[in-house]
Each structure stands twice: as C-alpha cells, then as structure tokens.
Protein backbone atom coordinates (compact mmCIF):
# COMPACT_ATOMS: atom_id res chain seq x y z
CA MET A 1 -0.10 -0.02 -0.08
CA VAL A 2 1.29 3.35 -1.14
CA ALA A 3 1.24 6.59 1.43
CA GLN A 4 -0.78 9.50 1.00
CA PRO A 5 0.91 13.17 0.75
CA THR A 6 0.12 15.13 3.57
CA LEU A 7 -1.61 17.38 2.17
CA GLU A 8 -1.48 19.73 4.94
CA ARG A 9 2.19 20.24 4.55
CA PHE A 10 1.97 20.69 0.42
CA PHE A 11 -0.27 21.90 0.53
CA GLN A 12 -0.10 25.55 -1.92
CA ILE A 13 -2.91 28.30 -3.39
CA ASP A 14 -4.12 27.86 -6.77
CA PRO A 15 -5.68 30.87 -8.20
CA PHE A 16 -7.94 28.66 -11.05
CA PRO A 17 -8.64 25.47 -10.66
CA GLN A 18 -8.43 22.34 -11.37
CA PRO A 19 -9.00 18.87 -13.33
CA PRO A 20 -7.95 16.34 -9.99
CA VAL A 21 -4.96 14.06 -11.63
CA ALA A 22 -5.83 9.82 -10.46
CA PRO A 23 -3.39 8.78 -8.09
CA THR A 24 -0.61 6.22 -10.09
CA ARG A 25 -0.01 3.15 -7.99
CA TYR A 26 3.68 3.69 -8.02
CA PRO A 27 4.84 7.41 -6.98
CA VAL A 28 6.70 9.36 -8.90
CA VAL A 29 10.18 10.50 -8.95
CA LEU A 30 11.09 13.63 -10.81
CA MET A 31 14.97 14.18 -11.77
CA HIS A 32 16.62 17.42 -13.06
CA GLY A 33 18.97 18.16 -14.92
CA PHE A 34 22.29 20.01 -15.42
CA GLY A 35 23.34 22.94 -14.38
CA MET A 36 21.28 24.87 -11.40
CA LEU A 37 19.79 27.97 -12.83
CA ALA A 38 15.98 27.63 -11.24
CA SER A 39 17.69 27.14 -8.01
CA ILE A 40 17.65 30.45 -7.66
CA SER A 41 14.76 30.41 -6.89
CA ARG A 42 13.42 27.37 -5.34
CA PRO A 43 13.79 24.13 -4.18
CA GLY A 44 15.07 22.94 -7.26
CA HIS A 45 14.16 22.56 -10.68
CA LEU A 46 10.71 20.49 -10.35
CA HIS A 47 9.59 21.37 -6.73
CA ASP A 48 6.84 23.52 -8.03
CA VAL A 49 5.78 19.73 -10.21
CA ALA A 50 7.03 17.66 -7.02
CA MET A 51 3.91 20.43 -4.55
CA ASP A 52 1.45 20.31 -7.47
CA LEU A 53 0.69 17.35 -8.29
CA ARG A 54 1.22 15.93 -4.85
CA LYS A 55 -2.45 18.42 -4.28
CA ARG A 56 -3.74 16.92 -6.52
CA GLY A 57 -2.90 13.04 -4.53
CA ILE A 58 0.25 12.43 -6.25
CA LEU A 59 2.61 10.98 -4.23
CA ALA A 60 5.60 12.80 -5.92
CA PHE A 61 9.16 13.76 -5.19
CA ALA A 62 11.65 16.25 -6.10
CA PRO A 63 15.33 14.85 -4.59
CA ASN A 64 17.91 17.17 -6.15
CA VAL A 65 22.02 15.94 -6.87
CA SER A 66 25.12 18.03 -7.93
CA PRO A 67 25.13 20.00 -10.78
CA TYR A 68 27.58 19.98 -12.76
CA ALA A 69 29.00 16.23 -12.27
CA THR A 70 29.08 13.25 -13.95
CA ILE A 71 26.34 11.18 -15.01
CA GLU A 72 28.57 8.01 -13.05
CA GLU A 73 28.67 10.89 -10.14
CA ARG A 74 24.77 12.32 -10.35
CA SER A 75 23.31 8.40 -10.82
CA ARG A 76 24.70 7.67 -7.51
CA MET A 77 23.57 9.93 -5.62
CA TRP A 78 20.25 10.08 -7.58
CA ARG A 79 20.17 5.63 -6.58
CA GLU A 80 20.39 7.38 -2.13
CA ARG A 81 17.72 9.25 -3.13
CA LEU A 82 15.21 6.74 -4.21
CA GLN A 83 16.38 4.12 -1.75
CA ARG A 84 14.98 6.92 0.31
CA VAL A 85 12.14 7.19 -1.66
CA GLN A 86 10.42 4.15 -1.51
CA GLU A 87 11.50 3.82 2.48
CA GLU A 88 9.20 6.51 2.71
CA SER A 89 6.99 5.27 0.23
CA GLN A 90 6.97 1.65 0.86
CA ALA A 91 6.17 1.39 -2.87
CA ASP A 92 7.88 -1.49 -4.40
CA ARG A 93 8.42 0.18 -7.78
CA MET A 94 7.96 4.26 -9.58
CA HIS A 95 8.41 6.39 -12.00
CA LEU A 96 10.50 8.87 -13.40
CA ILE A 97 9.71 11.40 -14.92
CA ALA A 98 13.07 13.58 -16.32
CA HIS A 99 14.73 16.49 -18.21
CA SER A 100 17.72 17.04 -19.77
CA MET A 101 20.67 15.68 -19.20
CA GLY A 102 18.82 13.18 -15.69
CA GLY A 103 17.25 11.18 -18.43
CA LEU A 104 20.20 10.01 -19.55
CA ASP A 105 21.15 9.48 -15.37
CA ALA A 106 17.95 7.70 -15.37
CA ARG A 107 18.34 4.77 -18.50
CA TYR A 108 22.37 4.94 -16.27
CA LEU A 109 20.29 4.24 -13.06
CA VAL A 110 18.84 1.58 -14.49
CA ARG A 111 21.15 -0.57 -15.60
CA ALA A 112 23.99 -0.14 -13.58
CA PHE A 113 21.87 -1.20 -10.27
CA ASN A 114 20.52 -3.54 -12.12
CA LEU A 115 16.58 -1.55 -11.00
CA HIS A 116 14.58 -2.93 -13.79
CA ARG A 117 12.27 -4.57 -10.43
CA THR A 118 12.41 -0.77 -9.64
CA ILE A 119 11.63 1.15 -12.03
CA ALA A 120 8.51 1.12 -13.68
CA SER A 121 8.85 3.62 -16.53
CA VAL A 122 11.50 6.32 -17.51
CA THR A 123 9.81 9.31 -19.25
CA THR A 124 12.34 12.08 -20.45
CA VAL A 125 11.52 15.04 -21.83
CA ALA A 126 13.90 17.01 -23.67
CA THR A 127 17.42 13.95 -22.75
CA PRO A 128 19.92 14.50 -25.61
CA HIS A 129 20.29 10.87 -26.30
CA ARG A 130 21.79 11.00 -29.05
CA GLY A 131 23.72 13.85 -27.70
CA THR A 132 23.81 17.29 -27.92
CA ALA A 133 25.55 19.84 -30.21
CA VAL A 134 26.26 22.67 -28.19
CA ALA A 135 27.88 20.48 -25.98
CA GLU A 136 30.88 19.97 -29.06
CA PHE A 137 30.51 24.10 -29.21
CA ILE A 138 31.04 24.45 -25.73
CA LEU A 139 34.03 22.18 -25.60
CA GLU A 140 34.81 24.01 -29.59
CA GLN A 141 35.64 27.58 -27.39
CA PRO A 142 39.16 29.22 -26.59
CA GLN A 143 40.81 26.57 -23.92
CA ARG A 144 41.02 29.30 -21.50
CA VAL A 145 37.98 31.07 -21.11
CA GLN A 146 36.94 26.71 -21.43
CA SER A 147 39.13 26.83 -17.48
CA TRP A 148 37.74 29.69 -16.66
CA LEU A 149 34.27 29.37 -17.01
CA ALA A 150 35.40 25.27 -15.55
CA ASP A 151 36.76 26.77 -12.53
CA LEU A 152 33.54 29.61 -11.32
CA VAL A 153 31.20 26.88 -12.53
CA ASN A 154 32.78 23.36 -10.62
CA ARG A 155 32.98 26.66 -7.80
CA VAL A 156 29.46 27.63 -7.70
CA GLY A 157 28.80 23.62 -7.89
CA GLU A 158 30.10 23.03 -4.57
CA VAL A 159 29.10 25.21 -2.66
CA ALA A 160 25.09 24.77 -3.58
CA MET A 161 25.46 20.93 -2.96
CA ALA A 162 28.22 18.37 -1.42
CA GLY A 163 28.81 15.32 -2.69
CA PRO A 164 31.11 14.10 -5.76
CA LYS A 165 33.57 16.26 -7.09
CA GLN A 166 31.30 18.83 -10.42
CA ASP A 167 33.60 18.51 -12.82
CA VAL A 168 31.31 20.64 -15.52
CA THR A 169 33.92 19.43 -18.17
CA GLU A 170 34.19 16.14 -18.11
CA ALA A 171 30.13 16.66 -17.56
CA VAL A 172 29.58 18.81 -20.85
CA ARG A 173 31.79 16.22 -22.79
CA GLN A 174 29.66 13.41 -21.71
CA LEU A 175 26.55 15.51 -23.95
CA THR A 176 27.73 15.92 -27.31
CA PRO A 177 26.61 13.88 -29.88
CA SER A 178 29.96 11.56 -30.28
CA TYR A 179 29.96 10.59 -27.19
CA VAL A 180 26.41 9.60 -26.45
CA GLN A 181 25.85 7.53 -29.92
CA GLN A 182 29.35 6.02 -29.54
CA THR A 183 30.19 4.88 -25.91
CA PHE A 184 26.80 5.97 -23.86
CA ASN A 185 23.57 4.70 -25.77
CA PRO A 186 25.96 0.94 -26.90
CA GLU A 187 27.20 0.39 -22.60
CA VAL A 188 23.83 1.88 -21.34
CA PRO A 189 20.86 -0.33 -24.02
CA ASN A 190 17.43 0.34 -23.19
CA HIS A 191 16.19 -2.80 -20.55
CA SER A 192 13.24 -4.77 -21.80
CA ALA A 193 11.22 -4.95 -18.06
CA VAL A 194 11.57 -0.69 -18.73
CA SER A 195 8.90 1.55 -20.09
CA TYR A 196 11.29 4.33 -21.85
CA ARG A 197 8.66 7.11 -23.73
CA SER A 198 10.20 10.19 -24.72
CA TYR A 199 8.63 14.18 -25.28
CA ALA A 200 10.85 16.46 -27.92
CA GLY A 201 10.79 20.57 -27.59
CA ARG A 202 10.55 22.82 -30.32
CA ALA A 203 11.80 26.37 -29.91
CA GLY A 204 13.10 30.02 -31.78
CA ARG A 205 14.31 28.65 -34.97
CA GLY A 206 11.99 26.91 -37.42
CA THR A 207 9.56 27.60 -35.06
CA ASP A 208 6.23 30.47 -34.56
CA VAL A 209 7.05 29.53 -30.20
CA PRO A 210 9.19 32.31 -28.29
CA ILE A 211 12.57 31.40 -27.15
CA ASN A 212 14.22 32.60 -23.94
CA PRO A 213 16.44 36.02 -24.66
CA PHE A 214 19.58 33.95 -23.30
CA LEU A 215 18.63 30.79 -26.04
CA ARG A 216 18.84 32.56 -28.72
CA PRO A 217 22.63 31.83 -29.28
CA LEU A 218 22.54 28.35 -28.53
CA ASN A 219 19.41 28.24 -30.72
CA GLN A 220 20.81 29.30 -33.90
CA VAL A 221 24.25 27.28 -33.36
CA LEU A 222 21.96 23.42 -32.27
CA TYR A 223 19.63 24.69 -35.13
CA GLU A 224 22.28 25.03 -38.30
CA ARG A 225 24.21 21.27 -36.83
CA GLU A 226 20.68 19.61 -36.02
CA GLY A 227 17.34 21.48 -36.93
CA VAL A 228 14.75 22.39 -34.69
CA ASN A 229 15.35 22.27 -30.92
CA ASP A 230 15.00 24.23 -27.71
CA GLY A 231 17.70 25.26 -27.14
CA TYR A 232 19.49 22.53 -26.24
CA VAL A 233 18.64 19.74 -27.33
CA SER A 234 17.30 19.11 -31.10
CA VAL A 235 13.74 17.16 -31.83
CA ARG A 236 15.94 14.20 -33.38
CA ASN A 237 18.08 13.73 -30.19
CA ALA A 238 15.07 13.98 -28.23
CA ARG A 239 13.80 11.13 -29.23
CA TRP A 240 13.92 8.04 -27.44
CA GLY A 241 11.80 5.12 -26.14
CA THR A 242 7.84 5.69 -27.57
CA TYR A 243 8.11 9.20 -28.82
CA GLN A 244 5.31 10.78 -27.13
CA GLY A 245 5.35 13.70 -29.06
CA LEU A 246 6.67 17.91 -29.16
CA VAL A 247 6.19 19.74 -26.18
CA ASP A 248 5.94 24.34 -27.25
CA ALA A 249 8.73 25.67 -25.25
CA ASP A 250 11.39 26.41 -24.71
CA HIS A 251 13.96 23.99 -22.75
CA THR A 252 13.45 27.10 -19.75
CA HIS A 253 10.33 27.00 -20.24
CA GLN A 254 9.62 23.51 -19.34
CA ILE A 255 10.87 23.84 -16.36
CA GLY A 256 9.28 27.27 -14.61
CA ILE A 257 11.71 29.15 -15.52
CA ARG A 258 9.96 32.68 -18.16
CA LEU A 259 11.66 35.53 -19.36
CA THR A 260 9.62 35.91 -22.62
CA ASN A 261 5.33 35.49 -22.72
CA SER A 262 4.81 32.07 -23.48
CA SER A 263 1.50 30.36 -23.10
CA PHE A 264 2.68 27.42 -22.09
CA ASP A 265 1.49 25.90 -18.73
CA HIS A 266 4.25 22.86 -17.67
CA LEU A 267 2.87 22.31 -14.53
CA ALA A 268 -0.22 21.42 -16.77
CA PHE A 269 1.87 19.87 -19.51
CA TYR A 270 3.13 17.60 -16.53
CA ARG A 271 -0.29 16.14 -15.15
CA ARG A 272 -0.39 15.22 -18.10
CA LEU A 273 1.73 13.46 -17.90
CA VAL A 274 1.18 11.46 -15.38
CA ASP A 275 -2.52 11.03 -16.29
CA ASP A 276 -0.81 9.29 -19.41
CA LEU A 277 1.15 7.25 -16.10
CA ARG A 278 -1.88 6.12 -15.06
CA GLN A 279 -3.10 4.08 -18.26
CA LEU A 280 0.31 2.99 -19.02
CA GLU A 281 -0.76 1.33 -15.19
CA HIS A 282 -3.72 0.23 -16.00
CA GLU A 283 -2.81 -0.60 -18.92
CA ALA A 284 -0.28 -3.06 -17.64
C-alpha cells in the first residue's frame, strides 16, 4: 500500500480550479538536468511540479543532485535518493520523469544498478539521447575561456551541494553527440522490463514558439547543426523509446523559468504526463 502525501504539509494555493489527476499506483520521482539555474528561485528545478502533483493526490518527489557532476556521479546520488523514496513510500516500484541530462541519469540507473524491478517507467523531456551540438560548441571555445568558466562553475556547484566533486568539463563532454552515440548508448541499452517514453521540445528558429533571449545564440548554433530545437536539445536527438510528441516550449520554459511571454503551462504538462502514466499502469 503506497502511503498518501500529507496534504497539509504540501498544500499550495492554486488561483485556478483544476481537474484532479487520478493517483498513480507508484510514486513519481522528478529528475532534474544539468545546472542549477532554477534553484535560484526555488528549492530545486522541479520542486514546484512535485508540489503541484502532491496537492492533486500524486506521491511525487523532486530531490536534487550535484548540478555539474558526471552521469556516473550524479547517478550514485540519485540511487541514494530513490532508496529514500522507497523507504518513505513503501512502494516496490516507481516512475521516473526526467528533464534534460536527468534522462541519461535515469537510463544509466536502470542498467548500472540493476533497477529494472524498481523502476516501472522512464519518461524523458528534452533529453539529449543522441547528444547535443551545444556541448560540442562549448568545447570548441578557447581553452583559456573553458578553464576559467569551468573553475567558476565548479566552485558554484560545490558551494551549492556537498557530495561528489563537480566536473563541468567532463559532464559537458558526456553530452556531446560523439560520446552519447559511440560510448553511452552502446553501454546503456534499454531494459525490456522498463517502459521508455520521450518528449522533445521546440522553440525559436524554425518555429513560431517564443524562446528565452539568453538561449537564442545556442538555439541558432544548434539549428544550423541539428535542426529545430529548444535551445539546448534538438527534436531529433530527444526521441527515445516510445516518442510521445512535441512540447512547444524552450528548455527553460519546460521547467517553469520564463523570461518571455509564453502560453506554455509547465504544471499542466506534467499533470497530463502523469495521467498518461496512470493509463500505462492500467494497461500493464
């Protein structure tokens, strides 16, 4: 029996009436991606999503891990977080919903830690399953610039969270198309016992979807190399498993960071996503 969330603890005021989301059989763990931009204004990238789902009867969790560590190091931390979720929920399985790099972490978790009996599904949103040319572009910059930025970012990450050493340069290298396609994907195949689903995001160049102005330069670079994208990940490289379709939002809008007007409701998107998981449970 899955423990129900404590509504008094997680209640938030919602100014608009919303239809209830039916509870899922298994708890939902939301996994964030690379960096810590969203953490400036909230406890974590997907904290508000977890709280929104909680008040609608979904036992959701949004833990944090090192923002600039490698997939291997981040996944060790995720493994500890999942163990705590199991202890609190008393559930034998769970759903993972992962944004961006978190999707690679999720796939790695299943294989490296033999968690196919624990993880019922992996749903990714704008994950670079075949890498991203943005990572290549960053590594093409002058070495002096790379070293200066890496030192700064690593220090910020270490102050933000104790744990594995931050290694932003290696983490970025793990997001390049060459690494993901030639090393990661062959070593981390899907497991037949786990359902894999994916969404891709689009905005900016080649679309009529507004984009965060800070993402426009990367959006342009990525469009020239990989086509339509969300500012960080192209549509074609975000597809994995059962492709669920496009999200009309840039990489930051997908997690509720808005610097431009957008009609995209990220909370409503994740509610629909979770409702799809409920249907998946029913069909299983």
